[in-house]
Amino acid sequence: MVGRDKRWRDEAAAHVHRVGYQATLCDRGVDAMTVLALGLPVDVLVIDTALQGSLCCSRLAVEARVLRPNLRIVFASDDTDDGIADMIPDALTVDRDRLTGGEVVGTVRDVLAGRLS
């Protein structure tokens, strides 16, 4: 999970951990790219669309797909992010509020099972 809001990342990761999944948390896009470049296991990349910096949300998604063409990507959106998902047409865009509670687990499960795209 990549995003500047530590509380959001920690809460979502806690729910993911409770059901037996692992989560790697990054607050910057460059850190997430390092995880991917090192070949660490990542099945779903959840990116907060408010992510800023040299590897902002859309650029991180594009660069991640260059490294891992089949990587599943979920954008956590606050509904003000017009057009971000257009960069990665098969990415799932979910309201950030849905990814703070237990619903993050259902979303990750559905993405892993291929039920959402």
PDB file of N, CA and C in Angstrom:
ATOM      1  N   MET A   1       0.842  -1.162   0.000  1.00  0.00           N
ATOM      2  CA  MET A   1       0.000   0.000   0.000  1.00  0.00           C
ATOM      3  C   MET A   1       0.889   1.226   0.000  1.00  0.00           C
ATOM      4  N   VAL A   2       0.572   2.138  -0.885  1.00  0.00           N
ATOM      5  CA  VAL A   2       1.391   3.323  -1.038  1.00  0.00           C
ATOM      6  C   VAL A   2       0.521   4.548  -0.836  1.00  0.00           C
ATOM      7  N   GLY A   3       0.915   5.398   0.091  1.00  0.00           N
ATOM      8  CA  GLY A   3       0.190   6.644   0.346  1.00  0.00           C
ATOM      9  C   GLY A   3       0.841   7.422   1.470  1.00  0.00           C
ATOM     10  N   ARG A   4       0.654   8.714   1.444  1.00  0.00           N
ATOM     11  CA  ARG A   4       1.271   9.583   2.448  1.00  0.00           C
ATOM     12  C   ARG A   4       0.558   9.536   3.802  1.00  0.00           C
ATOM     13  N   ASP A   5      -0.698   9.154   3.815  1.00  0.00           N
ATOM     14  CA  ASP A   5      -1.485   9.152   5.057  1.00  0.00           C
ATOM     15  C   ASP A   5      -1.178   7.888   5.865  1.00  0.00           C
ATOM     16  N   LYS A   6      -0.325   8.039   6.867  1.00  0.00           N
ATOM     17  CA  LYS A   6       0.118   6.900   7.671  1.00  0.00           C
ATOM     18  C   LYS A   6      -1.054   6.192   8.345  1.00  0.00           C
ATOM     19  N   ARG A   7      -1.998   6.940   8.838  1.00  0.00           N
ATOM     20  CA  ARG A   7      -3.153   6.330   9.505  1.00  0.00           C
ATOM     21  C   ARG A   7      -3.943   5.441   8.553  1.00  0.00           C
ATOM     22  N   TRP A   8      -4.152   5.924   7.328  1.00  0.00           N
ATOM     23  CA  TRP A   8      -4.864   5.140   6.317  1.00  0.00           C
ATOM     24  C   TRP A   8      -4.099   3.854   6.007  1.00  0.00           C
ATOM     25  N   ARG A   9      -2.790   3.977   5.766  1.00  0.00           N
ATOM     26  CA  ARG A   9      -1.973   2.796   5.456  1.00  0.00           C
ATOM     27  C   ARG A   9      -1.998   1.794   6.599  1.00  0.00           C
ATOM     28  N   ASP A  10      -1.791   2.280   7.818  1.00  0.00           N
ATOM     29  CA  ASP A  10      -1.728   1.383   8.980  1.00  0.00           C
ATOM     30  C   ASP A  10      -3.048   0.673   9.229  1.00  0.00           C
ATOM     31  N   GLU A  11      -4.145   1.414   9.109  1.00  0.00           N
ATOM     32  CA  GLU A  11      -5.457   0.806   9.352  1.00  0.00           C
ATOM     33  C   GLU A  11      -5.777  -0.254   8.301  1.00  0.00           C
ATOM     34  N   ALA A  12      -5.542   0.057   7.042  1.00  0.00           N
ATOM     35  CA  ALA A  12      -5.813  -0.909   5.974  1.00  0.00           C
ATOM     36  C   ALA A  12      -4.913  -2.135   6.130  1.00  0.00           C
ATOM     37  N   ALA A  13      -3.653  -1.922   6.447  1.00  0.00           N
ATOM     38  CA  ALA A  13      -2.722  -3.041   6.619  1.00  0.00           C
ATOM     39  C   ALA A  13      -3.115  -3.912   7.799  1.00  0.00           C
ATOM     40  N   ALA A  14      -3.602  -3.322   8.862  1.00  0.00           N
ATOM     41  CA  ALA A  14      -4.023  -4.100  10.034  1.00  0.00           C
ATOM     42  C   ALA A  14      -5.140  -5.069   9.659  1.00  0.00           C
ATOM     43  N   HIS A  15      -6.090  -4.607   8.863  1.00  0.00           N
ATOM     44  CA  HIS A  15      -7.178  -5.486   8.420  1.00  0.00           C
ATOM     45  C   HIS A  15      -6.650  -6.602   7.526  1.00  0.00           C
ATOM     46  N   VAL A  16      -5.735  -6.272   6.654  1.00  0.00           N
ATOM     47  CA  VAL A  16      -5.152  -7.263   5.750  1.00  0.00           C
ATOM     48  C   VAL A  16      -4.385  -8.315   6.556  1.00  0.00           C
ATOM     49  N   HIS A  17      -3.611  -7.879   7.539  1.00  0.00           N
ATOM     50  CA  HIS A  17      -2.836  -8.807   8.372  1.00  0.00           C
ATOM     51  C   HIS A  17      -3.735  -9.740   9.181  1.00  0.00           C
ATOM     52  N   ARG A  18      -4.863  -9.224   9.653  1.00  0.00           N
ATOM     53  CA  ARG A  18      -5.764 -10.036  10.487  1.00  0.00           C
ATOM     54  C   ARG A  18      -6.266 -11.285   9.778  1.00  0.00           C
ATOM     55  N   VAL A  19      -6.356 -11.230   8.455  1.00  0.00           N
ATOM     56  CA  VAL A  19      -6.854 -12.388   7.719  1.00  0.00           C
ATOM     57  C   VAL A  19      -5.733 -13.206   7.083  1.00  0.00           C
ATOM     58  N   GLY A  20      -4.503 -12.891   7.434  1.00  0.00           N
ATOM     59  CA  GLY A  20      -3.387 -13.708   6.998  1.00  0.00           C
ATOM     60  C   GLY A  20      -2.614 -13.241   5.784  1.00  0.00           C
ATOM     61  N   TYR A  21      -2.983 -12.100   5.214  1.00  0.00           N
ATOM     62  CA  TYR A  21      -2.208 -11.561   4.104  1.00  0.00           C
ATOM     63  C   TYR A  21      -1.068 -10.716   4.654  1.00  0.00           C
ATOM     64  N   GLN A  22      -0.064 -10.500   3.825  1.00  0.00           N
ATOM     65  CA  GLN A  22       1.023  -9.602   4.183  1.00  0.00           C
ATOM     66  C   GLN A  22       0.826  -8.293   3.456  1.00  0.00           C
ATOM     67  N   ALA A  23       1.317  -7.215   4.048  1.00  0.00           N
ATOM     68  CA  ALA A  23       1.239  -5.905   3.413  1.00  0.00           C
ATOM     69  C   ALA A  23       2.570  -5.196   3.606  1.00  0.00           C
ATOM     70  N   THR A  24       3.049  -4.609   2.549  1.00  0.00           N
ATOM     71  CA  THR A  24       4.233  -3.761   2.614  1.00  0.00           C
ATOM     72  C   THR A  24       3.740  -2.337   2.461  1.00  0.00           C
ATOM     73  N   LEU A  25       4.133  -1.486   3.387  1.00  0.00           N
ATOM     74  CA  LEU A  25       3.651  -0.111   3.402  1.00  0.00           C
ATOM     75  C   LEU A  25       4.751   0.837   2.956  1.00  0.00           C
ATOM     76  N   CYS A  26       4.405   1.747   2.068  1.00  0.00           N
ATOM     77  CA  CYS A  26       5.349   2.755   1.578  1.00  0.00           C
ATOM     78  C   CYS A  26       4.651   4.106   1.586  1.00  0.00           C
ATOM     79  N   ASP A  27       5.395   5.131   1.968  1.00  0.00           N
ATOM     80  CA  ASP A  27       4.795   6.461   1.948  1.00  0.00           C
ATOM     81  C   ASP A  27       5.210   7.265   0.720  1.00  0.00           C
ATOM     82  N   ARG A  28       6.120   6.718  -0.088  1.00  0.00           N
ATOM     83  CA  ARG A  28       6.563   7.403  -1.302  1.00  0.00           C
ATOM     84  C   ARG A  28       6.608   6.411  -2.459  1.00  0.00           C
ATOM     85  N   GLY A  29       6.372   6.942  -3.644  1.00  0.00           N
ATOM     86  CA  GLY A  29       6.397   6.110  -4.829  1.00  0.00           C
ATOM     87  C   GLY A  29       7.751   5.468  -5.073  1.00  0.00           C
ATOM     88  N   VAL A  30       8.823   6.194  -4.788  1.00  0.00           N
ATOM     89  CA  VAL A  30      10.164   5.655  -5.009  1.00  0.00           C
ATOM     90  C   VAL A  30      10.410   4.444  -4.110  1.00  0.00           C
ATOM     91  N   ASP A  31       9.869   4.443  -2.914  1.00  0.00           N
ATOM     92  CA  ASP A  31      10.006   3.284  -2.027  1.00  0.00           C
ATOM     93  C   ASP A  31       9.255   2.075  -2.588  1.00  0.00           C
ATOM     94  N   ALA A  32       8.079   2.316  -3.126  1.00  0.00           N
ATOM     95  CA  ALA A  32       7.302   1.230  -3.721  1.00  0.00           C
ATOM     96  C   ALA A  32       8.027   0.656  -4.939  1.00  0.00           C
ATOM     97  N   MET A  33       8.644   1.510  -5.750  1.00  0.00           N
ATOM     98  CA  MET A  33       9.388   1.026  -6.910  1.00  0.00           C
ATOM     99  C   MET A  33      10.603   0.212  -6.476  1.00  0.00           C
ATOM    100  N   THR A  34      11.203   0.582  -5.369  1.00  0.00           N
ATOM    101  CA  THR A  34      12.337  -0.184  -4.845  1.00  0.00           C
ATOM    102  C   THR A  34      11.888  -1.591  -4.471  1.00  0.00           C
ATOM    103  N   VAL A  35      10.740  -1.684  -3.807  1.00  0.00           N
ATOM    104  CA  VAL A  35      10.191  -2.995  -3.437  1.00  0.00           C
ATOM    105  C   VAL A  35       9.977  -3.841  -4.690  1.00  0.00           C
ATOM    106  N   LEU A  36       9.404  -3.238  -5.712  1.00  0.00           N
ATOM    107  CA  LEU A  36       9.146  -3.966  -6.955  1.00  0.00           C
ATOM    108  C   LEU A  36      10.442  -4.339  -7.670  1.00  0.00           C
ATOM    109  N   ALA A  37      11.396  -3.410  -7.731  1.00  0.00           N
ATOM    110  CA  ALA A  37      12.656  -3.662  -8.427  1.00  0.00           C
ATOM    111  C   ALA A  37      13.476  -4.748  -7.738  1.00  0.00           C
ATOM    112  N   LEU A  38      13.353  -4.848  -6.422  1.00  0.00           N
ATOM    113  CA  LEU A  38      14.075  -5.889  -5.685  1.00  0.00           C
ATOM    114  C   LEU A  38      13.457  -7.269  -5.882  1.00  0.00           C
ATOM    115  N   GLY A  39      12.297  -7.311  -6.503  1.00  0.00           N
ATOM    116  CA  GLY A  39      11.646  -8.585  -6.771  1.00  0.00           C
ATOM    117  C   GLY A  39      10.874  -9.146  -5.598  1.00  0.00           C
ATOM    118  N   LEU A  40      10.623  -8.314  -4.594  1.00  0.00           N
ATOM    119  CA  LEU A  40       9.839  -8.780  -3.454  1.00  0.00           C
ATOM    120  C   LEU A  40       8.426  -9.110  -3.914  1.00  0.00           C
ATOM    121  N   PRO A  41       7.785 -10.080  -3.276  1.00  0.00           N
ATOM    122  CA  PRO A  41       6.444 -10.485  -3.727  1.00  0.00           C
ATOM    123  C   PRO A  41       5.398  -9.390  -3.514  1.00  0.00           C
ATOM    124  N   VAL A  42       4.721  -9.045  -4.578  1.00  0.00           N
ATOM    125  CA  VAL A  42       3.618  -8.079  -4.537  1.00  0.00           C
ATOM    126  C   VAL A  42       2.551  -8.613  -5.479  1.00  0.00           C
ATOM    127  N   ASP A  43       1.371  -8.900  -4.943  1.00  0.00           N
ATOM    128  CA  ASP A  43       0.269  -9.393  -5.769  1.00  0.00           C
ATOM    129  C   ASP A  43      -0.672  -8.274  -6.190  1.00  0.00           C
ATOM    130  N   VAL A  44      -0.882  -7.328  -5.285  1.00  0.00           N
ATOM    131  CA  VAL A  44      -1.781  -6.201  -5.544  1.00  0.00           C
ATOM    132  C   VAL A  44      -1.091  -4.940  -5.052  1.00  0.00           C
ATOM    133  N   LEU A  45      -1.033  -3.930  -5.906  1.00  0.00           N
ATOM    134  CA  LEU A  45      -0.470  -2.640  -5.531  1.00  0.00           C
ATOM    135  C   LEU A  45      -1.627  -1.676  -5.303  1.00  0.00           C
ATOM    136  N   VAL A  46      -1.796  -1.245  -4.053  1.00  0.00           N
ATOM    137  CA  VAL A  46      -2.845  -0.285  -3.704  1.00  0.00           C
ATOM    138  C   VAL A  46      -2.183   1.075  -3.587  1.00  0.00           C
ATOM    139  N   ILE A  47      -2.639   2.027  -4.411  1.00  0.00           N
ATOM    140  CA  ILE A  47      -2.020   3.352  -4.470  1.00  0.00           C
ATOM    141  C   ILE A  47      -3.055   4.416  -4.137  1.00  0.00           C
ATOM    142  N   ASP A  48      -2.738   5.254  -3.180  1.00  0.00           N
ATOM    143  CA  ASP A  48      -3.573   6.410  -2.850  1.00  0.00           C
ATOM    144  C   ASP A  48      -3.421   7.425  -3.980  1.00  0.00           C
ATOM    145  N   THR A  49      -4.511   7.841  -4.582  1.00  0.00           N
ATOM    146  CA  THR A  49      -4.430   8.765  -5.714  1.00  0.00           C
ATOM    147  C   THR A  49      -3.949  10.149  -5.302  1.00  0.00           C
ATOM    148  N   ALA A  50      -3.884  10.421  -4.018  1.00  0.00           N
ATOM    149  CA  ALA A  50      -3.365  11.702  -3.543  1.00  0.00           C
ATOM    150  C   ALA A  50      -1.841  11.695  -3.452  1.00  0.00           C
ATOM    151  N   LEU A  51      -1.202  10.580  -3.796  1.00  0.00           N
ATOM    152  CA  LEU A  51       0.246  10.466  -3.723  1.00  0.00           C
ATOM    153  C   LEU A  51       0.896  11.502  -4.634  1.00  0.00           C
ATOM    154  N   GLN A  52       1.818  12.253  -4.091  1.00  0.00           N
ATOM    155  CA  GLN A  52       2.518  13.299  -4.825  1.00  0.00           C
ATOM    156  C   GLN A  52       3.997  12.949  -4.935  1.00  0.00           C
ATOM    157  N   GLY A  53       4.748  13.757  -5.647  1.00  0.00           N
ATOM    158  CA  GLY A  53       6.188  13.573  -5.751  1.00  0.00           C
ATOM    159  C   GLY A  53       6.597  13.169  -7.152  1.00  0.00           C
ATOM    160  N   SER A  54       7.887  12.828  -7.288  1.00  0.00           N
ATOM    161  CA  SER A  54       8.399  12.487  -8.613  1.00  0.00           C
ATOM    162  C   SER A  54       7.761  11.213  -9.153  1.00  0.00           C
ATOM    163  N   LEU A  55       7.367  10.327  -8.261  1.00  0.00           N
ATOM    164  CA  LEU A  55       6.617   9.138  -8.667  1.00  0.00           C
ATOM    165  C   LEU A  55       5.216   9.246  -8.058  1.00  0.00           C
ATOM    166  N   CYS A  56       4.435  10.165  -8.608  1.00  0.00           N
ATOM    167  CA  CYS A  56       3.070  10.348  -8.135  1.00  0.00           C
ATOM    168  C   CYS A  56       2.233   9.129  -8.501  1.00  0.00           C
ATOM    169  N   CYS A  57       1.000   9.168  -8.153  1.00  0.00           N
ATOM    170  CA  CYS A  57       0.098   8.036  -8.321  1.00  0.00           C
ATOM    171  C   CYS A  57       0.124   7.446  -9.728  1.00  0.00           C
ATOM    172  N   SER A  58      -0.175   8.235 -10.736  1.00  0.00           N
ATOM    173  CA  SER A  58      -0.279   7.700 -12.094  1.00  0.00           C
ATOM    174  C   SER A  58       1.072   7.245 -12.626  1.00  0.00           C
ATOM    175  N   ARG A  59       2.108   7.979 -12.347  1.00  0.00           N
ATOM    176  CA  ARG A  59       3.438   7.589 -12.833  1.00  0.00           C
ATOM    177  C   ARG A  59       3.911   6.312 -12.147  1.00  0.00           C
ATOM    178  N   LEU A  60       3.634   6.185 -10.859  1.00  0.00           N
ATOM    179  CA  LEU A  60       3.993   4.959 -10.147  1.00  0.00           C
ATOM    180  C   LEU A  60       3.295   3.766 -10.779  1.00  0.00           C
ATOM    181  N   ALA A  61       2.026   3.916 -11.075  1.00  0.00           N
ATOM    182  CA  ALA A  61       1.273   2.812 -11.683  1.00  0.00           C
ATOM    183  C   ALA A  61       1.869   2.413 -13.026  1.00  0.00           C
ATOM    184  N   VAL A  62       2.195   3.387 -13.852  1.00  0.00           N
ATOM    185  CA  VAL A  62       2.768   3.112 -15.169  1.00  0.00           C
ATOM    186  C   VAL A  62       4.133   2.438 -15.016  1.00  0.00           C
ATOM    187  N   GLU A  63       4.979   2.967 -14.157  1.00  0.00           N
ATOM    188  CA  GLU A  63       6.322   2.396 -13.959  1.00  0.00           C
ATOM    189  C   GLU A  63       6.249   0.993 -13.350  1.00  0.00           C
ATOM    190  N   ALA A  64       5.309   0.789 -12.440  1.00  0.00           N
ATOM    191  CA  ALA A  64       5.142  -0.542 -11.834  1.00  0.00           C
ATOM    192  C   ALA A  64       4.754  -1.560 -12.894  1.00  0.00           C
ATOM    193  N   ARG A  65       3.901  -1.159 -13.819  1.00  0.00           N
ATOM    194  CA  ARG A  65       3.483  -2.066 -14.889  1.00  0.00           C
ATOM    195  C   ARG A  65       4.607  -2.370 -15.863  1.00  0.00           C
ATOM    196  N   VAL A  66       5.541  -1.440 -16.018  1.00  0.00           N
ATOM    197  CA  VAL A  66       6.700  -1.714 -16.864  1.00  0.00           C
ATOM    198  C   VAL A  66       7.510  -2.853 -16.251  1.00  0.00           C
ATOM    199  N   LEU A  67       7.702  -2.796 -14.923  1.00  0.00           N
ATOM    200  CA  LEU A  67       8.454  -3.849 -14.232  1.00  0.00           C
ATOM    201  C   LEU A  67       7.679  -5.151 -14.143  1.00  0.00           C
ATOM    202  N   ARG A  68       6.383  -5.041 -13.902  1.00  0.00           N
ATOM    203  CA  ARG A  68       5.546  -6.231 -13.709  1.00  0.00           C
ATOM    204  C   ARG A  68       4.241  -6.077 -14.498  1.00  0.00           C
ATOM    205  N   PRO A  69       4.245  -6.498 -15.731  1.00  0.00           N
ATOM    206  CA  PRO A  69       3.095  -6.273 -16.611  1.00  0.00           C
ATOM    207  C   PRO A  69       1.770  -6.839 -16.104  1.00  0.00           C
ATOM    208  N   ASN A  70       1.795  -7.877 -15.306  1.00  0.00           N
ATOM    209  CA  ASN A  70       0.552  -8.489 -14.827  1.00  0.00           C
ATOM    210  C   ASN A  70       0.162  -8.055 -13.422  1.00  0.00           C
ATOM    211  N   LEU A  71       0.847  -7.074 -12.886  1.00  0.00           N
ATOM    212  CA  LEU A  71       0.558  -6.613 -11.529  1.00  0.00           C
ATOM    213  C   LEU A  71      -0.846  -6.016 -11.453  1.00  0.00           C
ATOM    214  N   ARG A  72      -1.599  -6.436 -10.453  1.00  0.00           N
ATOM    215  CA  ARG A  72      -2.938  -5.887 -10.235  1.00  0.00           C
ATOM    216  C   ARG A  72      -2.795  -4.575  -9.465  1.00  0.00           C
ATOM    217  N   ILE A  73      -3.529  -3.552  -9.916  1.00  0.00           N
ATOM    218  CA  ILE A  73      -3.418  -2.229  -9.314  1.00  0.00           C
ATOM    219  C   ILE A  73      -4.792  -1.760  -8.876  1.00  0.00           C
ATOM    220  N   VAL A  74      -4.838  -1.236  -7.647  1.00  0.00           N
ATOM    221  CA  VAL A  74      -6.055  -0.642  -7.100  1.00  0.00           C
ATOM    222  C   VAL A  74      -5.730   0.796  -6.737  1.00  0.00           C
ATOM    223  N   PHE A  75      -6.515   1.731  -7.259  1.00  0.00           N
ATOM    224  CA  PHE A  75      -6.382   3.138  -6.890  1.00  0.00           C
ATOM    225  C   PHE A  75      -7.367   3.446  -5.776  1.00  0.00           C
ATOM    226  N   ALA A  76      -6.873   4.008  -4.685  1.00  0.00           N
ATOM    227  CA  ALA A  76      -7.725   4.467  -3.586  1.00  0.00           C
ATOM    228  C   ALA A  76      -7.993   5.943  -3.837  1.00  0.00           C
ATOM    229  N   SER A  77      -9.212   6.252  -4.225  1.00  0.00           N
ATOM    230  CA  SER A  77      -9.551   7.590  -4.711  1.00  0.00           C
ATOM    231  C   SER A  77     -10.409   8.353  -3.720  1.00  0.00           C
ATOM    232  N   ASP A  78     -10.287   9.679  -3.787  1.00  0.00           N
ATOM    233  CA  ASP A  78     -11.160  10.529  -2.968  1.00  0.00           C
ATOM    234  C   ASP A  78     -12.180  11.263  -3.837  1.00  0.00           C
ATOM    235  N   ASP A  79     -12.427  10.754  -5.024  1.00  0.00           N
ATOM    236  CA  ASP A  79     -13.413  11.275  -5.988  1.00  0.00           C
ATOM    237  C   ASP A  79     -13.032  12.610  -6.620  1.00  0.00           C
ATOM    238  N   THR A  80     -11.852  13.146  -6.331  1.00  0.00           N
ATOM    239  CA  THR A  80     -11.434  14.382  -6.987  1.00  0.00           C
ATOM    240  C   THR A  80     -10.341  14.111  -8.006  1.00  0.00           C
ATOM    241  N   ASP A  81     -10.064  12.859  -8.245  1.00  0.00           N
ATOM    242  CA  ASP A  81      -8.933  12.467  -9.075  1.00  0.00           C
ATOM    243  C   ASP A  81      -9.404  12.052 -10.465  1.00  0.00           C
ATOM    244  N   ASP A  82      -9.780  13.020 -11.268  1.00  0.00           N
ATOM    245  CA  ASP A  82     -10.294  12.745 -12.603  1.00  0.00           C
ATOM    246  C   ASP A  82      -9.196  12.227 -13.522  1.00  0.00           C
ATOM    247  N   GLY A  83      -9.462  11.126 -14.186  1.00  0.00           N
ATOM    248  CA  GLY A  83      -8.587  10.632 -15.221  1.00  0.00           C
ATOM    249  C   GLY A  83      -7.400   9.794 -14.788  1.00  0.00           C
ATOM    250  N   ILE A  84      -7.174   9.630 -13.505  1.00  0.00           N
ATOM    251  CA  ILE A  84      -5.998   8.853 -13.062  1.00  0.00           C
ATOM    252  C   ILE A  84      -6.096   7.423 -13.570  1.00  0.00           C
ATOM    253  N   ALA A  85      -7.237   6.812 -13.467  1.00  0.00           N
ATOM    254  CA  ALA A  85      -7.385   5.413 -13.869  1.00  0.00           C
ATOM    255  C   ALA A  85      -7.261   5.230 -15.379  1.00  0.00           C
ATOM    256  N   ASP A  86      -7.351   6.303 -16.154  1.00  0.00           N
ATOM    257  CA  ASP A  86      -7.202   6.192 -17.602  1.00  0.00           C
ATOM    258  C   ASP A  86      -5.797   5.743 -17.997  1.00  0.00           C
ATOM    259  N   MET A  87      -4.823   5.992 -17.131  1.00  0.00           N
ATOM    260  CA  MET A  87      -3.431   5.600 -17.413  1.00  0.00           C
ATOM    261  C   MET A  87      -3.282   4.073 -17.400  1.00  0.00           C
ATOM    262  N   ILE A  88      -4.054   3.402 -16.556  1.00  0.00           N
ATOM    263  CA  ILE A  88      -4.019   1.945 -16.429  1.00  0.00           C
ATOM    264  C   ILE A  88      -5.474   1.474 -16.532  1.00  0.00           C
ATOM    265  N   PRO A  89      -5.960   1.229 -17.740  1.00  0.00           N
ATOM    266  CA  PRO A  89      -7.390   0.951 -17.938  1.00  0.00           C
ATOM    267  C   PRO A  89      -7.938  -0.235 -17.147  1.00  0.00           C
ATOM    268  N   ASP A  90      -7.111  -1.237 -16.855  1.00  0.00           N
ATOM    269  CA  ASP A  90      -7.628  -2.392 -16.133  1.00  0.00           C
ATOM    270  C   ASP A  90      -7.471  -2.278 -14.617  1.00  0.00           C
ATOM    271  N   ALA A  91      -7.018  -1.125 -14.149  1.00  0.00           N
ATOM    272  CA  ALA A  91      -6.915  -0.916 -12.701  1.00  0.00           C
ATOM    273  C   ALA A  91      -8.302  -0.702 -12.111  1.00  0.00           C
ATOM    274  N   LEU A  92      -8.427  -1.070 -10.872  1.00  0.00           N
ATOM    275  CA  LEU A  92      -9.674  -0.864 -10.143  1.00  0.00           C
ATOM    276  C   LEU A  92      -9.553   0.432  -9.358  1.00  0.00           C
ATOM    277  N   THR A  93     -10.569   1.272  -9.442  1.00  0.00           N
ATOM    278  CA  THR A  93     -10.597   2.494  -8.638  1.00  0.00           C
ATOM    279  C   THR A  93     -11.687   2.341  -7.596  1.00  0.00           C
ATOM    280  N   VAL A  94     -11.295   2.502  -6.336  1.00  0.00           N
ATOM    281  CA  VAL A  94     -12.203   2.313  -5.216  1.00  0.00           C
ATOM    282  C   VAL A  94     -12.158   3.557  -4.342  1.00  0.00           C
ATOM    283  N   ASP A  95     -13.300   3.942  -3.823  1.00  0.00           N
ATOM    284  CA  ASP A  95     -13.341   5.066  -2.895  1.00  0.00           C
ATOM    285  C   ASP A  95     -12.440   4.762  -1.706  1.00  0.00           C
ATOM    286  N   ARG A  96     -11.594   5.699  -1.365  1.00  0.00           N
ATOM    287  CA  ARG A  96     -10.634   5.505  -0.274  1.00  0.00           C
ATOM    288  C   ARG A  96     -11.318   5.083   1.019  1.00  0.00           C
ATOM    289  N   ASP A  97     -12.507   5.578   1.285  1.00  0.00           N
ATOM    290  CA  ASP A  97     -13.225   5.201   2.507  1.00  0.00           C
ATOM    291  C   ASP A  97     -13.527   3.707   2.558  1.00  0.00           C
ATOM    292  N   ARG A  98     -13.693   3.086   1.387  1.00  0.00           N
ATOM    293  CA  ARG A  98     -13.913   1.626   1.345  1.00  0.00           C
ATOM    294  C   ARG A  98     -12.659   0.851   1.683  1.00  0.00           C
ATOM    295  N   LEU A  99     -11.520   1.494   1.572  1.00  0.00           N
ATOM    296  CA  LEU A  99     -10.258   0.802   1.825  1.00  0.00           C
ATOM    297  C   LEU A  99      -9.686   1.125   3.202  1.00  0.00           C
ATOM    298  N   THR A 100     -10.496   1.617   4.097  1.00  0.00           N
ATOM    299  CA  THR A 100      -9.993   1.898   5.437  1.00  0.00           C
ATOM    300  C   THR A 100     -10.509   0.895   6.451  1.00  0.00           C
ATOM    301  N   GLY A 101     -11.655   0.339   6.203  1.00  0.00           N
ATOM    302  CA  GLY A 101     -12.209  -0.635   7.138  1.00  0.00           C
ATOM    303  C   GLY A 101     -11.968  -2.043   6.655  1.00  0.00           C
ATOM    304  N   GLY A 102     -12.776  -2.934   7.120  1.00  0.00           N
ATOM    305  CA  GLY A 102     -12.658  -4.326   6.739  1.00  0.00           C
ATOM    306  C   GLY A 102     -12.897  -4.576   5.262  1.00  0.00           C
ATOM    307  N   GLU A 103     -13.470  -3.609   4.565  1.00  0.00           N
ATOM    308  CA  GLU A 103     -13.753  -3.794   3.144  1.00  0.00           C
ATOM    309  C   GLU A 103     -12.486  -3.911   2.308  1.00  0.00           C
ATOM    310  N   VAL A 104     -11.354  -3.450   2.834  1.00  0.00           N
ATOM    311  CA  VAL A 104     -10.105  -3.586   2.098  1.00  0.00           C
ATOM    312  C   VAL A 104      -9.799  -5.068   1.866  1.00  0.00           C
ATOM    313  N   VAL A 105     -10.113  -5.904   2.827  1.00  0.00           N
ATOM    314  CA  VAL A 105      -9.853  -7.340   2.699  1.00  0.00           C
ATOM    315  C   VAL A 105     -10.694  -7.921   1.569  1.00  0.00           C
ATOM    316  N   GLY A 106     -11.966  -7.573   1.528  1.00  0.00           N
ATOM    317  CA  GLY A 106     -12.829  -8.063   0.449  1.00  0.00           C
ATOM    318  C   GLY A 106     -12.366  -7.582  -0.910  1.00  0.00           C
ATOM    319  N   THR A 107     -11.937  -6.347  -0.989  1.00  0.00           N
ATOM    320  CA  THR A 107     -11.445  -5.806  -2.257  1.00  0.00           C
ATOM    321  C   THR A 107     -10.200  -6.551  -2.707  1.00  0.00           C
ATOM    322  N   VAL A 108      -9.257  -6.760  -1.790  1.00  0.00           N
ATOM    323  CA  VAL A 108      -8.033  -7.485  -2.143  1.00  0.00           C
ATOM    324  C   VAL A 108      -8.361  -8.913  -2.561  1.00  0.00           C
ATOM    325  N   ARG A 109      -9.232  -9.575  -1.830  1.00  0.00           N
ATOM    326  CA  ARG A 109      -9.627 -10.941  -2.204  1.00  0.00           C
ATOM    327  C   ARG A 109     -10.250 -10.986  -3.591  1.00  0.00           C
ATOM    328  N   ASP A 110     -11.152 -10.035  -3.867  1.00  0.00           N
ATOM    329  CA  ASP A 110     -11.807 -10.006  -5.164  1.00  0.00           C
ATOM    330  C   ASP A 110     -10.817  -9.729  -6.292  1.00  0.00           C
ATOM    331  N   VAL A 111      -9.879  -8.841  -6.062  1.00  0.00           N
ATOM    332  CA  VAL A 111      -8.879  -8.541  -7.089  1.00  0.00           C
ATOM    333  C   VAL A 111      -8.005  -9.764  -7.324  1.00  0.00           C
ATOM    334  N   LEU A 112      -7.569 -10.421  -6.274  1.00  0.00           N
ATOM    335  CA  LEU A 112      -6.735 -11.608  -6.420  1.00  0.00           C
ATOM    336  C   LEU A 112      -7.480 -12.744  -7.134  1.00  0.00           C
ATOM    337  N   ALA A 113      -8.772 -12.831  -6.890  1.00  0.00           N
ATOM    338  CA  ALA A 113      -9.571 -13.884  -7.526  1.00  0.00           C
ATOM    339  C   ALA A 113      -9.992 -13.510  -8.946  1.00  0.00           C
ATOM    340  N   GLY A 114      -9.700 -12.282  -9.361  1.00  0.00           N
ATOM    341  CA  GLY A 114     -10.060 -11.856 -10.702  1.00  0.00           C
ATOM    342  C   GLY A 114     -11.517 -11.473 -10.859  1.00  0.00           C
ATOM    343  N   ARG A 115     -12.214 -11.282  -9.725  1.00  0.00           N
ATOM    344  CA  ARG A 115     -13.632 -10.905  -9.808  1.00  0.00           C
ATOM    345  C   ARG A 115     -13.827  -9.436 -10.081  1.00  0.00           C
ATOM    346  N   LEU A 116     -12.795  -8.633  -9.822  1.00  0.00           N
ATOM    347  CA  LEU A 116     -12.862  -7.193 -10.094  1.00  0.00           C
ATOM    348  C   LEU A 116     -11.713  -6.840 -11.008  1.00  0.00           C
ATOM    349  N   SER A 117     -11.961  -5.901 -11.883  1.00  0.00           N
ATOM    350  CA  SER A 117     -10.872  -5.420 -12.731  1.00  0.00           C
ATOM    351  C   SER A 117     -11.082  -3.963 -13.060  1.00  0.00           C
TER     352      SER A 117
END
